[in-house]
Amino acid sequence: MKSDLGRSCAARYAFLAAWPIMLVTLAASAGCSSRAKVPPEEAVVELSDPRVERVNGEDQFLIDYRFTRGQPKRGWLYRLVMVAPSGSEYSVDTYMNETQLRGTISGTLSFRDAMDEPSKDFEARLDVMIGTSGQFKTISNKVSF
């Protein structure tokens, strides 16, 4: 009888010892840690629902975003770039943190810029500045207003 009890205790201890490893494996397979492992410059963002709203007589541009791969990195600069038919670029700079996987980016075209660009036909994309290099990389699809 003692030997049977000894074996079941040993089996219990083996299971308890393996439990943390099984939990980490389960979390990794569920994708819990995969977002954090993607470098910010390799993230993928889906832009959608571009719209222009009149606010106090000015045009406010709004675009919804959603990180589909990776996540934003605190302290890194994200830039929504809007390209006019003339080729001129206008941008909205924003900082995000790791919890902002989706949301809306908005920007207002100044009155002077609106006079120079009477068209509301813009193409937009989201870029990220790679560290402190000053170089930007596009991490999203392009959408048109």
Protein backbone atom coordinates (compact mmCIF):
# COMPACT_ATOMS: atom_id res chain seq x y z
CA MET A 1 0.00 0.00 0.00
CA LYS A 2 2.76 2.41 0.83
CA SER A 3 4.30 2.06 -2.61
CA ASP A 4 0.99 2.94 -4.35
CA LEU A 5 0.61 6.04 -2.17
CA GLY A 6 4.20 7.01 -2.86
CA ARG A 7 3.63 6.74 -6.61
CA SER A 8 0.49 8.89 -6.57
CA CYS A 9 2.25 11.56 -4.48
CA ALA A 10 5.18 11.54 -6.88
CA ALA A 11 2.77 11.90 -9.80
CA ARG A 12 1.08 14.82 -8.05
CA TYR A 13 4.39 16.54 -7.42
CA ALA A 14 5.44 16.01 -11.04
CA PHE A 15 2.17 17.56 -12.22
CA LEU A 16 2.53 20.54 -9.87
CA ALA A 17 6.13 21.07 -10.97
CA ALA A 18 5.07 21.05 -14.63
CA TRP A 19 2.06 23.36 -14.10
CA PRO A 20 3.93 26.69 -14.64
CA ILE A 21 5.45 25.37 -17.87
CA MET A 22 2.03 24.24 -19.12
CA LEU A 23 0.53 27.63 -18.23
CA VAL A 24 3.23 29.54 -20.13
CA THR A 25 2.81 27.24 -23.12
CA LEU A 26 -0.95 27.73 -23.07
CA ALA A 27 -0.60 31.54 -22.87
CA ALA A 28 1.89 31.62 -25.73
CA SER A 29 -0.31 29.43 -27.92
CA ALA A 30 -3.29 31.69 -27.19
CA GLY A 31 -1.37 34.67 -28.56
CA CYS A 32 -1.05 36.51 -25.25
CA SER A 33 2.61 37.36 -25.69
CA SER A 34 2.86 37.54 -29.49
CA ARG A 35 1.85 41.23 -29.73
CA ALA A 36 4.69 42.37 -27.48
CA LYS A 37 7.30 40.45 -29.48
CA VAL A 38 6.62 42.35 -32.74
CA PRO A 39 8.93 45.39 -33.08
CA PRO A 40 6.95 48.65 -33.48
CA GLU A 41 8.31 49.23 -36.98
CA GLU A 42 6.94 45.81 -38.04
CA ALA A 43 3.46 46.35 -36.60
CA VAL A 44 0.49 46.30 -38.97
CA VAL A 45 -2.32 48.82 -38.60
CA GLU A 46 -5.65 48.81 -40.41
CA LEU A 47 -7.06 52.25 -41.17
CA SER A 48 -10.80 52.53 -41.81
CA ASP A 49 -13.77 54.86 -41.89
CA PRO A 50 -12.05 58.05 -43.11
CA ARG A 51 -14.35 61.04 -42.75
CA VAL A 52 -14.36 64.81 -42.76
CA GLU A 53 -16.52 66.75 -40.31
CA ARG A 54 -17.09 70.50 -40.09
CA VAL A 55 -16.18 71.74 -36.60
CA ASN A 56 -16.42 75.48 -35.90
CA GLY A 57 -16.09 76.23 -39.61
CA GLU A 58 -12.97 74.09 -40.05
CA ASP A 59 -12.50 70.67 -41.62
CA GLN A 60 -11.66 67.97 -39.10
CA PHE A 61 -10.27 64.74 -40.57
CA LEU A 62 -10.94 61.54 -38.61
CA ILE A 63 -9.69 58.02 -39.25
CA ASP A 64 -10.24 54.90 -37.18
CA TYR A 65 -7.23 52.64 -36.59
CA ARG A 66 -6.74 49.11 -35.30
CA PHE A 67 -3.46 47.26 -34.70
CA THR A 68 -3.83 43.84 -36.34
CA ARG A 69 -0.22 42.79 -35.65
CA GLY A 70 1.95 44.08 -32.82
CA GLN A 71 1.08 47.01 -30.61
CA PRO A 72 2.09 50.65 -30.21
CA LYS A 73 5.23 51.36 -28.20
CA ARG A 74 5.19 54.05 -25.54
CA GLY A 75 7.40 56.99 -26.48
CA TRP A 76 7.50 56.27 -30.22
CA LEU A 77 6.07 58.89 -32.58
CA TYR A 78 3.18 57.86 -34.83
CA ARG A 79 2.30 60.15 -37.72
CA LEU A 80 -0.90 60.19 -39.73
CA VAL A 81 0.14 61.49 -43.14
CA MET A 82 -2.46 62.94 -45.48
CA VAL A 83 -1.41 63.50 -49.09
CA ALA A 84 -3.34 66.03 -51.18
CA PRO A 85 -3.88 65.69 -54.94
CA SER A 86 -1.23 68.41 -55.36
CA GLY A 87 1.32 66.13 -53.66
CA SER A 88 1.51 68.27 -50.52
CA GLU A 89 1.66 66.30 -47.29
CA TYR A 90 -0.06 67.26 -44.05
CA SER A 91 0.47 65.31 -40.86
CA VAL A 92 -0.89 64.71 -37.38
CA ASP A 93 1.66 63.53 -34.82
CA THR A 94 0.54 61.36 -31.92
CA TYR A 95 2.02 59.21 -29.19
CA MET A 96 0.33 56.00 -28.10
CA ASN A 97 0.85 53.44 -25.38
CA GLU A 98 0.58 49.66 -25.36
CA THR A 99 -3.12 49.67 -24.47
CA GLN A 100 -4.24 51.79 -27.43
CA LEU A 101 -4.76 48.97 -29.93
CA ARG A 102 -7.69 50.78 -31.55
CA GLY A 103 -9.12 54.26 -31.63
CA THR A 104 -9.56 57.38 -33.77
CA ILE A 105 -6.92 59.83 -34.93
CA SER A 106 -8.16 63.31 -35.75
CA GLY A 107 -6.62 66.46 -37.12
CA THR A 108 -7.80 69.85 -38.28
CA LEU A 109 -6.59 71.46 -41.48
CA SER A 110 -5.69 75.05 -40.70
CA PHE A 111 -7.58 77.79 -42.49
CA ARG A 112 -4.45 78.78 -44.47
CA ASP A 113 -3.80 75.19 -45.56
CA ALA A 114 -7.48 74.74 -46.42
CA MET A 115 -7.25 77.76 -48.73
CA ASP A 116 -4.20 76.20 -50.46
CA GLU A 117 -5.92 72.79 -50.72
CA PRO A 118 -9.57 73.37 -51.58
CA SER A 119 -10.03 69.70 -52.46
CA LYS A 120 -11.11 67.27 -49.76
CA ASP A 121 -9.70 64.33 -51.73
CA PHE A 122 -6.83 63.14 -49.56
CA GLU A 123 -5.07 59.82 -49.23
CA ALA A 124 -3.91 58.89 -45.72
CA ARG A 125 -1.49 56.43 -44.15
CA LEU A 126 0.05 55.84 -40.71
CA ASP A 127 3.83 56.01 -40.27
CA VAL A 128 6.00 55.32 -37.23
CA MET A 129 9.34 57.00 -36.49
CA ILE A 130 11.93 54.31 -35.92
CA GLY A 131 13.34 55.06 -32.47
CA THR A 132 15.13 58.41 -32.50
CA SER A 133 16.47 58.01 -36.04
CA GLY A 134 14.15 60.57 -37.62
CA GLN A 135 13.24 58.01 -40.29
CA PHE A 136 9.61 56.99 -40.75
CA LYS A 137 8.18 53.70 -41.97
CA THR A 138 4.61 53.15 -43.19
CA ILE A 139 2.83 50.51 -41.11
CA SER A 140 -0.73 50.79 -42.44
CA ASN A 141 -2.90 50.50 -45.48
CA LYS A 142 -3.87 53.67 -47.37
CA VAL A 143 -7.36 55.11 -47.24
CA SER A 144 -8.95 57.91 -49.25
CA PHE A 145 -11.27 60.67 -48.16
